[in-house]
Amino acid sequence: MRGRINNKLGEIQINADVIALYAGTTAVECFGIVGMAAVSMKDGLVKLLKRESLTHGITVEVEDNHMSIDFHVIVSYGVSICAVADNLIENVKYKVEAFTGMEVDKINIYVEGVRVID
């Protein structure tokens, strides 16, 4: 799935993986987010992903230059999940729309775990 933007010089195509990587990098910069999570469907285990694997915890769907993004995250212990989610949505929506020139219609956040940070 690719986002397509037409301008006077031609067409720009943005791969969903590029958007997912940018959104993941933006997400881990947000306060209260420890990282992205990968959920094993086989045994139900949640694994914290390394920075090189950020796109595995993110799903991007692009249709007619409108996108929806799903995040599977691990949050810090002791923070307000609602505040962290609101901050994540606001930052990602603003930065991804500025980066791609496309509209973000929906951001879903799935909190897969909590981690104590030393």
Protein backbone atom coordinates (compact mmCIF):
# COMPACT_ATOMS: atom_id res chain seq x y z
CA MET A 1 0.00 0.00 0.00
CA ARG A 2 1.40 3.35 -0.98
CA GLY A 3 0.32 6.91 -0.55
CA ARG A 4 0.26 8.82 -3.84
CA ILE A 5 0.64 12.56 -4.17
CA ASN A 6 0.44 14.22 -7.58
CA ASN A 7 2.08 17.54 -8.31
CA LYS A 8 2.90 19.49 -11.46
CA LEU A 9 6.17 17.59 -12.00
CA GLY A 10 4.90 14.06 -11.48
CA GLU A 11 3.83 11.61 -8.81
CA ILE A 12 5.24 10.91 -5.36
CA GLN A 13 4.68 7.45 -3.86
CA ILE A 14 5.32 6.81 -0.18
CA ASN A 15 5.58 3.22 1.01
CA ALA A 16 3.66 2.33 4.19
CA ASP A 17 6.88 0.99 5.76
CA VAL A 18 8.48 4.43 5.47
CA ILE A 19 5.50 5.98 7.23
CA ALA A 20 5.59 3.25 9.90
CA LEU A 21 9.29 3.84 10.60
CA TYR A 22 8.79 7.60 10.87
CA ALA A 23 5.72 7.17 13.10
CA GLY A 24 7.61 4.67 15.30
CA THR A 25 10.57 6.99 15.70
CA THR A 26 8.20 9.81 16.64
CA ALA A 27 6.33 7.56 19.08
CA VAL A 28 9.38 6.44 21.08
CA GLU A 29 10.34 10.10 21.56
CA CYS A 30 7.05 10.69 23.42
CA PHE A 31 7.07 10.80 27.22
CA GLY A 32 5.90 7.58 28.82
CA ILE A 33 6.48 5.30 25.83
CA VAL A 34 9.12 2.64 26.52
CA GLY A 35 8.94 1.18 23.03
CA MET A 36 6.97 -0.78 20.49
CA ALA A 37 5.68 -4.24 21.28
CA ALA A 38 5.46 -7.42 19.24
CA VAL A 39 2.74 -9.83 20.30
CA SER A 40 3.23 -13.52 19.61
CA MET A 41 -0.14 -14.91 18.55
CA LYS A 42 1.05 -18.45 19.25
CA ASP A 43 1.72 -18.07 22.97
CA GLY A 44 0.43 -14.58 23.75
CA LEU A 45 3.81 -13.23 24.86
CA VAL A 46 4.65 -9.56 24.45
CA LYS A 47 8.19 -8.61 23.49
CA LEU A 48 9.78 -5.15 23.61
CA LEU A 49 11.20 -4.40 20.18
CA LYS A 50 14.64 -2.93 19.62
CA ARG A 51 14.95 0.40 17.86
CA GLU A 52 15.85 -1.34 14.57
CA SER A 53 12.53 -3.24 14.62
CA LEU A 54 10.12 -0.39 15.30
CA THR A 55 7.94 -1.11 12.28
CA HIS A 56 6.91 -4.54 13.63
CA GLY A 57 4.77 -2.88 16.32
CA ILE A 58 3.06 -0.52 13.87
CA THR A 59 0.50 -1.08 11.13
CA VAL A 60 -0.16 1.63 8.55
CA GLU A 61 -3.07 1.49 6.11
CA VAL A 62 -3.23 4.07 3.33
CA GLU A 63 -6.28 4.56 1.15
CA ASP A 64 -6.90 7.59 -1.08
CA ASN A 65 -4.18 9.57 0.73
CA HIS A 66 -5.89 9.05 4.08
CA MET A 67 -4.25 6.77 6.59
CA SER A 68 -4.90 4.93 9.81
CA ILE A 69 -2.07 3.88 12.10
CA ASP A 70 -2.13 1.16 14.78
CA PHE A 71 0.49 1.21 17.55
CA HIS A 72 1.29 -1.68 19.90
CA VAL A 73 3.21 -0.02 22.72
CA ILE A 74 4.73 -0.63 26.12
CA VAL A 75 4.32 2.27 28.55
CA SER A 76 6.28 3.33 31.63
CA TYR A 77 5.00 2.27 35.03
CA GLY A 78 3.33 5.06 37.02
CA VAL A 79 2.30 7.34 34.15
CA SER A 80 -1.24 8.13 33.08
CA ILE A 81 -1.97 5.92 30.09
CA CYS A 82 -4.62 8.37 28.91
CA ALA A 83 -2.17 11.30 29.00
CA VAL A 84 0.53 9.28 27.24
CA ALA A 85 -1.92 8.13 24.56
CA ASP A 86 -3.22 11.67 23.97
CA ASN A 87 0.36 12.97 23.69
CA LEU A 88 1.30 10.15 21.30
CA ILE A 89 -1.73 10.76 19.08
CA GLU A 90 -1.16 14.51 18.92
CA ASN A 91 2.58 14.26 18.15
CA VAL A 92 2.31 11.46 15.61
CA LYS A 93 -0.65 13.02 13.79
CA TYR A 94 1.09 16.39 13.48
CA LYS A 95 4.51 15.04 12.45
CA VAL A 96 3.28 12.34 10.04
CA GLU A 97 0.93 14.75 8.28
CA ALA A 98 3.75 17.30 7.93
CA PHE A 99 6.16 14.57 6.74
CA THR A 100 3.87 12.96 4.15
CA GLY A 101 1.40 15.65 3.15
CA MET A 102 -1.39 13.11 3.67
CA GLU A 103 -4.15 13.14 6.27
CA VAL A 104 -4.15 10.86 9.32
CA ASP A 105 -7.75 9.88 9.98
CA LYS A 106 -7.34 7.42 12.82
CA ILE A 107 -4.66 6.37 15.32
CA ASN A 108 -5.33 3.29 17.45
CA ILE A 109 -3.12 2.58 20.45
CA TYR A 110 -2.91 -0.88 21.97
CA VAL A 111 -1.09 -0.90 25.30
CA GLU A 112 0.51 -4.34 25.42
CA GLY A 113 2.49 -3.95 28.63
CA VAL A 114 3.94 -1.81 31.39
CA ARG A 115 7.61 -1.57 32.22
CA VAL A 116 9.37 -0.15 35.28
CA ILE A 117 12.13 2.27 34.25
CA ASP A 118 15.14 2.58 36.56
